[in-house]
Amino acid sequence: KRRDCASCDHYETQSITATGHSYKATITKPTCTTEGYTTYTCHCGDS
């Protein structure tokens, strides 16, 4: 984030902390021919 001075070129910045992953679980149940598993997926695409 940034805040400027309206009167001169001075400014200050502030850091916004990374949010960390927020995973959603999707369960795939086993069948008689395939194993089951859980896929954990974050809104950013990491899984």
ModelCIF file with pLDDT and N, C-alpha, C, O atoms, coordinates in Angstrom:
data_MODEL
#
_entry.id   MODEL 
#
_entity.id                         1 
_entity.type                       polymer 
_entity.pdbx_number_of_molecules   1 
#
_entity_poly.entity_id                      1 
_entity_poly.type                           'polypeptide(L)' 
_entity_poly.nstd_linkage                   no 
_entity_poly.nstd_monomer                   no 
_entity_poly.pdbx_seq_one_letter_code       KRRDCASCDHYETQSITATGHSYKATITKPTCTTEGYTTYTCHCGDS 
_entity_poly.pdbx_seq_one_letter_code_can   KRRDCASCDHYETQSITATGHSYKATITKPTCTTEGYTTYTCHCGDS 
_entity_poly.pdbx_strand_id                 A 
#
loop_
_entity_poly_seq.entity_id 
_entity_poly_seq.num 
_entity_poly_seq.mon_id 
_entity_poly_seq.hetero 
1 1  LYS n 
1 2  ARG n 
1 3  ARG n 
1 4  ASP n 
1 5  CYS n 
1 6  ALA n 
1 7  SER n 
1 8  CYS n 
1 9  ASP n 
1 10 HIS n 
1 11 TYR n 
1 12 GLU n 
1 13 THR n 
1 14 GLN n 
1 15 SER n 
1 16 ILE n 
1 17 THR n 
1 18 ALA n 
1 19 THR n 
1 20 GLY n 
1 21 HIS n 
1 22 SER n 
1 23 TYR n 
1 24 LYS n 
1 25 ALA n 
1 26 THR n 
1 27 ILE n 
1 28 THR n 
1 29 LYS n 
1 30 PRO n 
1 31 THR n 
1 32 CYS n 
1 33 THR n 
1 34 THR n 
1 35 GLU n 
1 36 GLY n 
1 37 TYR n 
1 38 THR n 
1 39 THR n 
1 40 TYR n 
1 41 THR n 
1 42 CYS n 
1 43 HIS n 
1 44 CYS n 
1 45 GLY n 
1 46 ASP n 
1 47 SER n 
#
_struct_asym.id          A 
_struct_asym.entity_id   1 
#
loop_
_ma_qa_metric.id 
_ma_qa_metric.mode 
_ma_qa_metric.name 
_ma_qa_metric.software_group_id 
_ma_qa_metric.type 
1 global pLDDT . pLDDT 
2 local  pLDDT . pLDDT 
#
_ma_qa_metric_global.metric_id      1 
_ma_qa_metric_global.metric_value   95.72 
_ma_qa_metric_global.model_id       1 
_ma_qa_metric_global.ordinal_id     1 
#
loop_
_ma_qa_metric_local.label_asym_id 
_ma_qa_metric_local.label_comp_id 
_ma_qa_metric_local.label_seq_id 
_ma_qa_metric_local.metric_id 
_ma_qa_metric_local.metric_value 
_ma_qa_metric_local.model_id 
_ma_qa_metric_local.ordinal_id 
A LYS 1  2 97.00 1 1  
A ARG 2  2 96.00 1 2  
A ARG 3  2 95.00 1 3  
A ASP 4  2 95.00 1 4  
A CYS 5  2 93.00 1 5  
A ALA 6  2 90.00 1 6  
A SER 7  2 91.00 1 7  
A CYS 8  2 93.00 1 8  
A ASP 9  2 91.00 1 9  
A HIS 10 2 94.00 1 10 
A TYR 11 2 94.00 1 11 
A GLU 12 2 95.00 1 12 
A THR 13 2 96.00 1 13 
A GLN 14 2 96.00 1 14 
A SER 15 2 97.00 1 15 
A ILE 16 2 97.00 1 16 
A THR 17 2 98.00 1 17 
A ALA 18 2 98.00 1 18 
A THR 19 2 96.00 1 19 
A GLY 20 2 97.00 1 20 
A HIS 21 2 97.00 1 21 
A SER 22 2 97.00 1 22 
A TYR 23 2 98.00 1 23 
A LYS 24 2 98.00 1 24 
A ALA 25 2 98.00 1 25 
A THR 26 2 97.00 1 26 
A ILE 27 2 97.00 1 27 
A THR 28 2 96.00 1 28 
A LYS 29 2 95.00 1 29 
A PRO 30 2 95.00 1 30 
A THR 31 2 94.00 1 31 
A CYS 32 2 92.00 1 32 
A THR 33 2 92.00 1 33 
A THR 34 2 94.00 1 34 
A GLU 35 2 96.00 1 35 
A GLY 36 2 97.00 1 36 
A TYR 37 2 97.00 1 37 
A THR 38 2 98.00 1 38 
A THR 39 2 98.00 1 39 
A TYR 40 2 98.00 1 40 
A THR 41 2 98.00 1 41 
A CYS 42 2 98.00 1 42 
A HIS 43 2 95.00 1 43 
A CYS 44 2 95.00 1 44 
A GLY 45 2 95.00 1 45 
A ASP 46 2 97.00 1 46 
A SER 47 2 98.00 1 47 
#
loop_
_atom_site.group_PDB 
_atom_site.id 
_atom_site.type_symbol 
_atom_site.label_atom_id 
_atom_site.label_alt_id 
_atom_site.label_comp_id 
_atom_site.label_asym_id 
_atom_site.label_entity_id 
_atom_site.label_seq_id 
_atom_site.pdbx_PDB_ins_code 
_atom_site.Cartn_x 
_atom_site.Cartn_y 
_atom_site.Cartn_z 
_atom_site.occupancy 
_atom_site.B_iso_or_equiv 
_atom_site.pdbx_formal_charge 
_atom_site.auth_seq_id 
_atom_site.auth_comp_id 
_atom_site.auth_asym_id 
_atom_site.auth_atom_id 
_atom_site.pdbx_PDB_model_num 
ATOM 1   N N  . LYS A 1 1  ? 0.871   -1.176  0.000   1.00 97.00 ? 1  LYS A N  1 
ATOM 2   C CA . LYS A 1 1  ? 0.000   0.000   0.000   1.00 97.00 ? 1  LYS A CA 1 
ATOM 3   C C  . LYS A 1 1  ? 0.910   1.229   0.000   1.00 97.00 ? 1  LYS A C  1 
ATOM 4   O O  . LYS A 1 1  ? 2.046   1.175   0.470   1.00 97.00 ? 1  LYS A O  1 
ATOM 5   N N  . ARG A 1 2  ? 0.391   2.336   -0.534  1.00 96.00 ? 2  ARG A N  1 
ATOM 6   C CA . ARG A 1 2  ? 1.189   3.555   -0.615  1.00 96.00 ? 2  ARG A CA 1 
ATOM 7   C C  . ARG A 1 2  ? 0.332   4.760   -0.240  1.00 96.00 ? 2  ARG A C  1 
ATOM 8   O O  . ARG A 1 2  ? -0.849  4.842   -0.579  1.00 96.00 ? 2  ARG A O  1 
ATOM 9   N N  . ARG A 1 3  ? 0.967   5.693   0.471   1.00 95.00 ? 3  ARG A N  1 
ATOM 10  C CA . ARG A 1 3  ? 0.327   6.951   0.830   1.00 95.00 ? 3  ARG A CA 1 
ATOM 11  C C  . ARG A 1 3  ? 1.264   8.067   0.370   1.00 95.00 ? 3  ARG A C  1 
ATOM 12  O O  . ARG A 1 3  ? 2.443   8.081   0.724   1.00 95.00 ? 3  ARG A O  1 
ATOM 13  N N  . ASP A 1 4  ? 0.728   9.007   -0.428  1.00 95.00 ? 4  ASP A N  1 
ATOM 14  C CA . ASP A 1 4  ? 1.516   10.120  -0.957  1.00 95.00 ? 4  ASP A CA 1 
ATOM 15  C C  . ASP A 1 4  ? 1.244   11.382  -0.150  1.00 95.00 ? 4  ASP A C  1 
ATOM 16  O O  . ASP A 1 4  ? 0.215   11.495  0.517   1.00 95.00 ? 4  ASP A O  1 
ATOM 17  N N  . CYS A 1 5  ? 2.168   12.321  -0.216  1.00 93.00 ? 5  CYS A N  1 
ATOM 18  C CA . CYS A 1 5  ? 1.955   13.659  0.323   1.00 93.00 ? 5  CYS A CA 1 
ATOM 19  C C  . CYS A 1 5  ? 1.356   14.503  -0.802  1.00 93.00 ? 5  CYS A C  1 
ATOM 20  O O  . CYS A 1 5  ? 1.862   14.506  -1.924  1.00 93.00 ? 5  CYS A O  1 
ATOM 21  N N  . ALA A 1 6  ? 0.283   15.211  -0.492  1.00 90.00 ? 6  ALA A N  1 
ATOM 22  C CA . ALA A 1 6  ? -0.383  16.035  -1.496  1.00 90.00 ? 6  ALA A CA 1 
ATOM 23  C C  . ALA A 1 6  ? 0.400   17.301  -1.818  1.00 90.00 ? 6  ALA A C  1 
ATOM 24  O O  . ALA A 1 6  ? 0.095   17.986  -2.795  1.00 90.00 ? 6  ALA A O  1 
ATOM 25  N N  . SER A 1 7  ? 1.420   17.622  -0.995  1.00 91.00 ? 7  SER A N  1 
ATOM 26  C CA . SER A 1 7  ? 2.153   18.875  -1.166  1.00 91.00 ? 7  SER A CA 1 
ATOM 27  C C  . SER A 1 7  ? 3.546   18.717  -1.755  1.00 91.00 ? 7  SER A C  1 
ATOM 28  O O  . SER A 1 7  ? 4.125   19.681  -2.255  1.00 91.00 ? 7  SER A O  1 
ATOM 29  N N  . CYS A 1 8  ? 4.082   17.514  -1.696  1.00 93.00 ? 8  CYS A N  1 
ATOM 30  C CA . CYS A 1 8  ? 5.454   17.307  -2.201  1.00 93.00 ? 8  CYS A CA 1 
ATOM 31  C C  . CYS A 1 8  ? 5.594   15.890  -2.737  1.00 93.00 ? 8  CYS A C  1 
ATOM 32  O O  . CYS A 1 8  ? 4.596   15.188  -2.899  1.00 93.00 ? 8  CYS A O  1 
ATOM 33  N N  . ASP A 1 9  ? 6.812   15.465  -3.013  1.00 91.00 ? 9  ASP A N  1 
ATOM 34  C CA . ASP A 1 9  ? 7.065   14.143  -3.587  1.00 91.00 ? 9  ASP A CA 1 
ATOM 35  C C  . ASP A 1 9  ? 7.239   13.049  -2.533  1.00 91.00 ? 9  ASP A C  1 
ATOM 36  O O  . ASP A 1 9  ? 7.542   11.905  -2.872  1.00 91.00 ? 9  ASP A O  1 
ATOM 37  N N  . HIS A 1 10 ? 7.050   13.393  -1.266  1.00 94.00 ? 10 HIS A N  1 
ATOM 38  C CA . HIS A 1 10 ? 7.228   12.408  -0.191  1.00 94.00 ? 10 HIS A CA 1 
ATOM 39  C C  . HIS A 1 10 ? 6.113   11.354  -0.265  1.00 94.00 ? 10 HIS A C  1 
ATOM 40  O O  . HIS A 1 10 ? 4.967   11.670  -0.583  1.00 94.00 ? 10 HIS A O  1 
ATOM 41  N N  . TYR A 1 11 ? 6.465   10.110  0.031   1.00 94.00 ? 11 TYR A N  1 
ATOM 42  C CA . TYR A 1 11 ? 5.473   9.035   0.131   1.00 94.00 ? 11 TYR A CA 1 
ATOM 43  C C  . TYR A 1 11 ? 5.971   7.996   1.111   1.00 94.00 ? 11 TYR A C  1 
ATOM 44  O O  . TYR A 1 11 ? 7.160   7.938   1.426   1.00 94.00 ? 11 TYR A O  1 
ATOM 45  N N  . GLU A 1 12 ? 5.056   7.180   1.588   1.00 95.00 ? 12 GLU A N  1 
ATOM 46  C CA . GLU A 1 12 ? 5.423   6.048   2.443   1.00 95.00 ? 12 GLU A CA 1 
ATOM 47  C C  . GLU A 1 12 ? 4.692   4.818   1.935   1.00 95.00 ? 12 GLU A C  1 
ATOM 48  O O  . GLU A 1 12 ? 3.611   4.914   1.354   1.00 95.00 ? 12 GLU A O  1 
ATOM 49  N N  . THR A 1 13 ? 5.296   3.671   2.162   1.00 96.00 ? 13 THR A N  1 
ATOM 50  C CA . THR A 1 13 ? 4.673   2.418   1.753   1.00 96.00 ? 13 THR A CA 1 
ATOM 51  C C  . THR A 1 13 ? 4.476   1.530   2.969   1.00 96.00 ? 13 THR A C  1 
ATOM 52  O O  . THR A 1 13 ? 5.199   1.637   3.960   1.00 96.00 ? 13 THR A O  1 
ATOM 53  N N  . GLN A 1 14 ? 3.493   0.660   2.880   1.00 96.00 ? 14 GLN A N  1 
ATOM 54  C CA . GLN A 1 14 ? 3.235   -0.339  3.907   1.00 96.00 ? 14 GLN A CA 1 
ATOM 55  C C  . GLN A 1 14 ? 3.080   -1.693  3.226   1.00 96.00 ? 14 GLN A C  1 
ATOM 56  O O  . GLN A 1 14 ? 2.516   -1.811  2.139   1.00 96.00 ? 14 GLN A O  1 
ATOM 57  N N  . SER A 1 15 ? 3.598   -2.699  3.903   1.00 97.00 ? 15 SER A N  1 
ATOM 58  C CA . SER A 1 15 ? 3.499   -4.056  3.373   1.00 97.00 ? 15 SER A CA 1 
ATOM 59  C C  . SER A 1 15 ? 2.162   -4.678  3.775   1.00 97.00 ? 15 SER A C  1 
ATOM 60  O O  . SER A 1 15 ? 1.678   -4.466  4.886   1.00 97.00 ? 15 SER A O  1 
ATOM 61  N N  . ILE A 1 16 ? 1.577   -5.443  2.863   1.00 97.00 ? 16 ILE A N  1 
ATOM 62  C CA . ILE A 1 16 ? 0.387   -6.245  3.137   1.00 97.00 ? 16 ILE A CA 1 
ATOM 63  C C  . ILE A 1 16 ? 0.860   -7.697  3.196   1.00 97.00 ? 16 ILE A C  1 
ATOM 64  O O  . ILE A 1 16 ? 1.402   -8.211  2.217   1.00 97.00 ? 16 ILE A O  1 
ATOM 65  N N  . THR A 1 17 ? 0.664   -8.345  4.312   1.00 98.00 ? 17 THR A N  1 
ATOM 66  C CA . THR A 1 17 ? 1.159   -9.705  4.508   1.00 98.00 ? 17 THR A CA 1 
ATOM 67  C C  . THR A 1 17 ? 0.471   -10.697 3.567   1.00 98.00 ? 17 THR A C  1 
ATOM 68  O O  . THR A 1 17 ? -0.740  -10.643 3.355   1.00 98.00 ? 17 THR A O  1 
ATOM 69  N N  . ALA A 1 18 ? 1.279   -11.603 3.012   1.00 98.00 ? 18 ALA A N  1 
ATOM 70  C CA . ALA A 1 18 ? 0.738   -12.660 2.152   1.00 98.00 ? 18 ALA A CA 1 
ATOM 71  C C  . ALA A 1 18 ? -0.350  -13.418 2.902   1.00 98.00 ? 18 ALA A C  1 
ATOM 72  O O  . ALA A 1 18 ? -0.244  -13.624 4.110   1.00 98.00 ? 18 ALA A O  1 
ATOM 73  N N  . THR A 1 19 ? -1.382  -13.827 2.199   1.00 96.00 ? 19 THR A N  1 
ATOM 74  C CA . THR A 1 19 ? -2.555  -14.438 2.830   1.00 96.00 ? 19 THR A CA 1 
ATOM 75  C C  . THR A 1 19 ? -2.364  -15.904 3.198   1.00 96.00 ? 19 THR A C  1 
ATOM 76  O O  . THR A 1 19 ? -3.056  -16.406 4.083   1.00 96.00 ? 19 THR A O  1 
ATOM 77  N N  . GLY A 1 20 ? -1.443  -16.599 2.541   1.00 97.00 ? 20 GLY A N  1 
ATOM 78  C CA . GLY A 1 20 ? -1.297  -18.041 2.750   1.00 97.00 ? 20 GLY A CA 1 
ATOM 79  C C  . GLY A 1 20 ? -2.357  -18.783 1.950   1.00 97.00 ? 20 GLY A C  1 
ATOM 80  O O  . GLY A 1 20 ? -3.397  -18.218 1.611   1.00 97.00 ? 20 GLY A O  1 
ATOM 81  N N  . HIS A 1 21 ? -2.095  -20.030 1.655   1.00 97.00 ? 21 HIS A N  1 
ATOM 82  C CA . HIS A 1 21 ? -3.034  -20.826 0.863   1.00 97.00 ? 21 HIS A CA 1 
ATOM 83  C C  . HIS A 1 21 ? -4.289  -21.145 1.675   1.00 97.00 ? 21 HIS A C  1 
ATOM 84  O O  . HIS A 1 21 ? -4.235  -21.292 2.896   1.00 97.00 ? 21 HIS A O  1 
ATOM 85  N N  . SER A 1 22 ? -5.398  -21.247 0.987   1.00 97.00 ? 22 SER A N  1 
ATOM 86  C CA . SER A 1 22 ? -6.676  -21.642 1.575   1.00 97.00 ? 22 SER A CA 1 
ATOM 87  C C  . SER A 1 22 ? -7.225  -22.760 0.699   1.00 97.00 ? 22 SER A C  1 
ATOM 88  O O  . SER A 1 22 ? -7.820  -22.511 -0.350  1.00 97.00 ? 22 SER A O  1 
ATOM 89  N N  . TYR A 1 23 ? -7.017  -23.994 1.144   1.00 98.00 ? 23 TYR A N  1 
ATOM 90  C CA . TYR A 1 23 ? -7.347  -25.147 0.311   1.00 98.00 ? 23 TYR A CA 1 
ATOM 91  C C  . TYR A 1 23 ? -8.779  -25.628 0.520   1.00 98.00 ? 23 TYR A C  1 
ATOM 92  O O  . TYR A 1 23 ? -9.307  -25.603 1.632   1.00 98.00 ? 23 TYR A O  1 
ATOM 93  N N  . LYS A 1 24 ? -9.395  -26.068 -0.582  1.00 98.00 ? 24 LYS A N  1 
ATOM 94  C CA . LYS A 1 24 ? -10.706 -26.710 -0.560  1.00 98.00 ? 24 LYS A CA 1 
ATOM 95  C C  . LYS A 1 24 ? -10.488 -28.168 -0.959  1.00 98.00 ? 24 LYS A C  1 
ATOM 96  O O  . LYS A 1 24 ? -9.786  -28.454 -1.930  1.00 98.00 ? 24 LYS A O  1 
ATOM 97  N N  . ALA A 1 25 ? -11.091 -29.085 -0.209  1.00 98.00 ? 25 ALA A N  1 
ATOM 98  C CA . ALA A 1 25 ? -10.911 -30.512 -0.466  1.00 98.00 ? 25 ALA A CA 1 
ATOM 99  C C  . ALA A 1 25 ? -11.980 -31.037 -1.412  1.00 98.00 ? 25 ALA A C  1 
ATOM 100 O O  . ALA A 1 25 ? -13.165 -30.737 -1.262  1.00 98.00 ? 25 ALA A O  1 
ATOM 101 N N  . THR A 1 26 ? -11.543 -31.830 -2.394  1.00 97.00 ? 26 THR A N  1 
ATOM 102 C CA . THR A 1 26 ? -12.450 -32.540 -3.286  1.00 97.00 ? 26 THR A CA 1 
ATOM 103 C C  . THR A 1 26 ? -12.120 -34.022 -3.193  1.00 97.00 ? 26 THR A C  1 
ATOM 104 O O  . THR A 1 26 ? -11.004 -34.437 -3.505  1.00 97.00 ? 26 THR A O  1 
ATOM 105 N N  . ILE A 1 27 ? -13.095 -34.817 -2.763  1.00 97.00 ? 27 ILE A N  1 
ATOM 106 C CA . ILE A 1 27 ? -12.864 -36.239 -2.535  1.00 97.00 ? 27 ILE A CA 1 
ATOM 107 C C  . ILE A 1 27 ? -13.266 -37.041 -3.773  1.00 97.00 ? 27 ILE A C  1 
ATOM 108 O O  . ILE A 1 27 ? -14.360 -36.875 -4.312  1.00 97.00 ? 27 ILE A O  1 
ATOM 109 N N  . THR A 1 28 ? -12.367 -37.904 -4.204  1.00 96.00 ? 28 THR A N  1 
ATOM 110 C CA . THR A 1 28 ? -12.657 -38.867 -5.260  1.00 96.00 ? 28 THR A CA 1 
ATOM 111 C C  . THR A 1 28 ? -12.711 -40.229 -4.591  1.00 96.00 ? 28 THR A C  1 
ATOM 112 O O  . THR A 1 28 ? -11.697 -40.718 -4.092  1.00 96.00 ? 28 THR A O  1 
ATOM 113 N N  . LYS A 1 29 ? -13.890 -40.847 -4.576  1.00 95.00 ? 29 LYS A N  1 
ATOM 114 C CA . LYS A 1 29 ? -14.080 -42.125 -3.882  1.00 95.00 ? 29 LYS A CA 1 
ATOM 115 C C  . LYS A 1 29 ? -13.461 -43.259 -4.679  1.00 95.00 ? 29 LYS A C  1 
ATOM 116 O O  . LYS A 1 29 ? -13.409 -43.209 -5.908  1.00 95.00 ? 29 LYS A O  1 
ATOM 117 N N  . PRO A 1 30 ? -12.991 -44.284 -3.976  1.00 95.00 ? 30 PRO A N  1 
ATOM 118 C CA . PRO A 1 30 ? -12.423 -45.433 -4.678  1.00 95.00 ? 30 PRO A CA 1 
ATOM 119 C C  . PRO A 1 30 ? -13.518 -46.234 -5.383  1.00 95.00 ? 30 PRO A C  1 
ATOM 120 O O  . PRO A 1 30 ? -14.683 -46.218 -4.986  1.00 95.00 ? 30 PRO A O  1 
ATOM 121 N N  . THR A 1 31 ? -13.109 -46.928 -6.432  1.00 94.00 ? 31 THR A N  1 
ATOM 122 C CA . THR A 1 31 ? -14.009 -47.856 -7.124  1.00 94.00 ? 31 THR A CA 1 
ATOM 123 C C  . THR A 1 31 ? -13.378 -49.235 -7.056  1.00 94.00 ? 31 THR A C  1 
ATOM 124 O O  . THR A 1 31 ? -12.388 -49.439 -6.353  1.00 94.00 ? 31 THR A O  1 
ATOM 125 N N  . CYS A 1 32 ? -13.951 -50.178 -7.785  1.00 92.00 ? 32 CYS A N  1 
ATOM 126 C CA . CYS A 1 32 ? -13.354 -51.520 -7.772  1.00 92.00 ? 32 CYS A CA 1 
ATOM 127 C C  . CYS A 1 32 ? -12.078 -51.582 -8.601  1.00 92.00 ? 32 CYS A C  1 
ATOM 128 O O  . CYS A 1 32 ? -11.348 -52.570 -8.513  1.00 92.00 ? 32 CYS A O  1 
ATOM 129 N N  . THR A 1 33 ? -11.784 -50.560 -9.403  1.00 92.00 ? 33 THR A N  1 
ATOM 130 C CA . THR A 1 33 ? -10.570 -50.590 -10.233 1.00 92.00 ? 33 THR A CA 1 
ATOM 131 C C  . THR A 1 33 ? -9.621  -49.413 -9.996  1.00 92.00 ? 33 THR A C  1 
ATOM 132 O O  . THR A 1 33 ? -8.484  -49.449 -10.467 1.00 92.00 ? 33 THR A O  1 
ATOM 133 N N  . THR A 1 34 ? -10.057 -48.369 -9.279  1.00 94.00 ? 34 THR A N  1 
ATOM 134 C CA . THR A 1 34 ? -9.178  -47.213 -9.043  1.00 94.00 ? 34 THR A CA 1 
ATOM 135 C C  . THR A 1 34 ? -9.185  -46.823 -7.570  1.00 94.00 ? 34 THR A C  1 
ATOM 136 O O  . THR A 1 34 ? -10.197 -46.950 -6.881  1.00 94.00 ? 34 THR A O  1 
ATOM 137 N N  . GLU A 1 35 ? -8.043  -46.350 -7.109  1.00 96.00 ? 35 GLU A N  1 
ATOM 138 C CA . GLU A 1 35 ? -7.959  -45.911 -5.717  1.00 96.00 ? 35 GLU A CA 1 
ATOM 139 C C  . GLU A 1 35 ? -8.668  -44.569 -5.536  1.00 96.00 ? 35 GLU A C  1 
ATOM 140 O O  . GLU A 1 35 ? -8.862  -43.820 -6.494  1.00 96.00 ? 35 GLU A O  1 
ATOM 141 N N  . GLY A 1 36 ? -9.041  -44.287 -4.319  1.00 97.00 ? 36 GLY A N  1 
ATOM 142 C CA . GLY A 1 36 ? -9.633  -42.996 -3.999  1.00 97.00 ? 36 GLY A CA 1 
ATOM 143 C C  . GLY A 1 36 ? -8.557  -42.043 -3.495  1.00 97.00 ? 36 GLY A C  1 
ATOM 144 O O  . GLY A 1 36 ? -7.459  -42.464 -3.133  1.00 97.00 ? 36 GLY A O  1 
ATOM 145 N N  . TYR A 1 37 ? -8.881  -40.773 -3.475  1.00 97.00 ? 37 TYR A N  1 
ATOM 146 C CA . TYR A 1 37 ? -7.927  -39.766 -3.016  1.00 97.00 ? 37 TYR A CA 1 
ATOM 147 C C  . TYR A 1 37 ? -8.651  -38.444 -2.778  1.00 97.00 ? 37 TYR A C  1 
ATOM 148 O O  . TYR A 1 37 ? -9.802  -38.273 -3.178  1.00 97.00 ? 37 TYR A O  1 
ATOM 149 N N  . THR A 1 38 ? -7.973  -37.527 -2.132  1.00 98.00 ? 38 THR A N  1 
ATOM 150 C CA . THR A 1 38 ? -8.512  -36.191 -1.929  1.00 98.00 ? 38 THR A CA 1 
ATOM 151 C C  . THR A 1 38 ? -7.586  -35.202 -2.619  1.00 98.00 ? 38 THR A C  1 
ATOM 152 O O  . THR A 1 38 ? -6.370  -35.243 -2.429  1.00 98.00 ? 38 THR A O  1 
ATOM 153 N N  . THR A 1 39 ? -8.165  -34.312 -3.424  1.00 98.00 ? 39 THR A N  1 
ATOM 154 C CA . THR A 1 39 ? -7.408  -33.249 -4.071  1.00 98.00 ? 39 THR A CA 1 
ATOM 155 C C  . THR A 1 39 ? -7.673  -31.958 -3.301  1.00 98.00 ? 39 THR A C  1 
ATOM 156 O O  . THR A 1 39 ? -8.824  -31.557 -3.127  1.00 98.00 ? 39 THR A O  1 
ATOM 157 N N  . TYR A 1 40 ? -6.617  -31.320 -2.849  1.00 98.00 ? 40 TYR A N  1 
ATOM 158 C CA . TYR A 1 40 ? -6.720  -30.048 -2.142  1.00 98.00 ? 40 TYR A CA 1 
ATOM 159 C C  . TYR A 1 40 ? -6.309  -28.939 -3.106  1.00 98.00 ? 40 TYR A C  1 
ATOM 160 O O  . TYR A 1 40 ? -5.187  -28.945 -3.614  1.00 98.00 ? 40 TYR A O  1 
ATOM 161 N N  . THR A 1 41 ? -7.216  -27.980 -3.366  1.00 98.00 ? 41 THR A N  1 
ATOM 162 C CA . THR A 1 41 ? -6.971  -26.930 -4.345  1.00 98.00 ? 41 THR A CA 1 
ATOM 163 C C  . THR A 1 41 ? -7.191  -25.559 -3.717  1.00 98.00 ? 41 THR A C  1 
ATOM 164 O O  . THR A 1 41 ? -8.197  -25.326 -3.048  1.00 98.00 ? 41 THR A O  1 
ATOM 165 N N  . CYS A 1 42 ? -6.239  -24.657 -3.939  1.00 98.00 ? 42 CYS A N  1 
ATOM 166 C CA . CYS A 1 42 ? -6.329  -23.279 -3.482  1.00 98.00 ? 42 CYS A CA 1 
ATOM 167 C C  . CYS A 1 42 ? -6.902  -22.422 -4.613  1.00 98.00 ? 42 CYS A C  1 
ATOM 168 O O  . CYS A 1 42 ? -6.782  -22.779 -5.785  1.00 98.00 ? 42 CYS A O  1 
ATOM 169 N N  . HIS A 1 43 ? -7.520  -21.301 -4.267  1.00 95.00 ? 43 HIS A N  1 
ATOM 170 C CA . HIS A 1 43 ? -8.082  -20.395 -5.279  1.00 95.00 ? 43 HIS A CA 1 
ATOM 171 C C  . HIS A 1 43 ? -7.028  -19.854 -6.235  1.00 95.00 ? 43 HIS A C  1 
ATOM 172 O O  . HIS A 1 43 ? -7.364  -19.380 -7.320  1.00 95.00 ? 43 HIS A O  1 
ATOM 173 N N  . CYS A 1 44 ? -5.746  -19.920 -5.842  1.00 95.00 ? 44 CYS A N  1 
ATOM 174 C CA . CYS A 1 44 ? -4.672  -19.438 -6.717  1.00 95.00 ? 44 CYS A CA 1 
ATOM 175 C C  . CYS A 1 44 ? -4.260  -20.477 -7.759  1.00 95.00 ? 44 CYS A C  1 
ATOM 176 O O  . CYS A 1 44 ? -3.489  -20.177 -8.670  1.00 95.00 ? 44 CYS A O  1 
ATOM 177 N N  . GLY A 1 45 ? -4.782  -21.712 -7.620  1.00 95.00 ? 45 GLY A N  1 
ATOM 178 C CA . GLY A 1 45 ? -4.440  -22.764 -8.569  1.00 95.00 ? 45 GLY A CA 1 
ATOM 179 C C  . GLY A 1 45 ? -3.500  -23.814 -8.012  1.00 95.00 ? 45 GLY A C  1 
ATOM 180 O O  . GLY A 1 45 ? -3.361  -24.883 -8.605  1.00 95.00 ? 45 GLY A O  1 
ATOM 181 N N  . ASP A 1 46 ? -2.850  -23.542 -6.894  1.00 97.00 ? 46 ASP A N  1 
ATOM 182 C CA . ASP A 1 46 ? -1.963  -24.525 -6.275  1.00 97.00 ? 46 ASP A CA 1 
ATOM 183 C C  . ASP A 1 46 ? -2.803  -25.697 -5.785  1.00 97.00 ? 46 ASP A C  1 
ATOM 184 O O  . ASP A 1 46 ? -3.887  -25.493 -5.239  1.00 97.00 ? 46 ASP A O  1 
ATOM 185 N N  . SER A 1 47 ? -2.323  -26.913 -5.970  1.00 98.00 ? 47 SER A N  1 
ATOM 186 C CA . SER A 1 47 ? -3.070  -28.079 -5.499  1.00 98.00 ? 47 SER A CA 1 
ATOM 187 C C  . SER A 1 47 ? -2.122  -29.232 -5.206  1.00 98.00 ? 47 SER A C  1 
ATOM 188 O O  . SER A 1 47 ? -2.564  -30.306 -4.798  1.00 98.00 ? 47 SER A O  1 
#
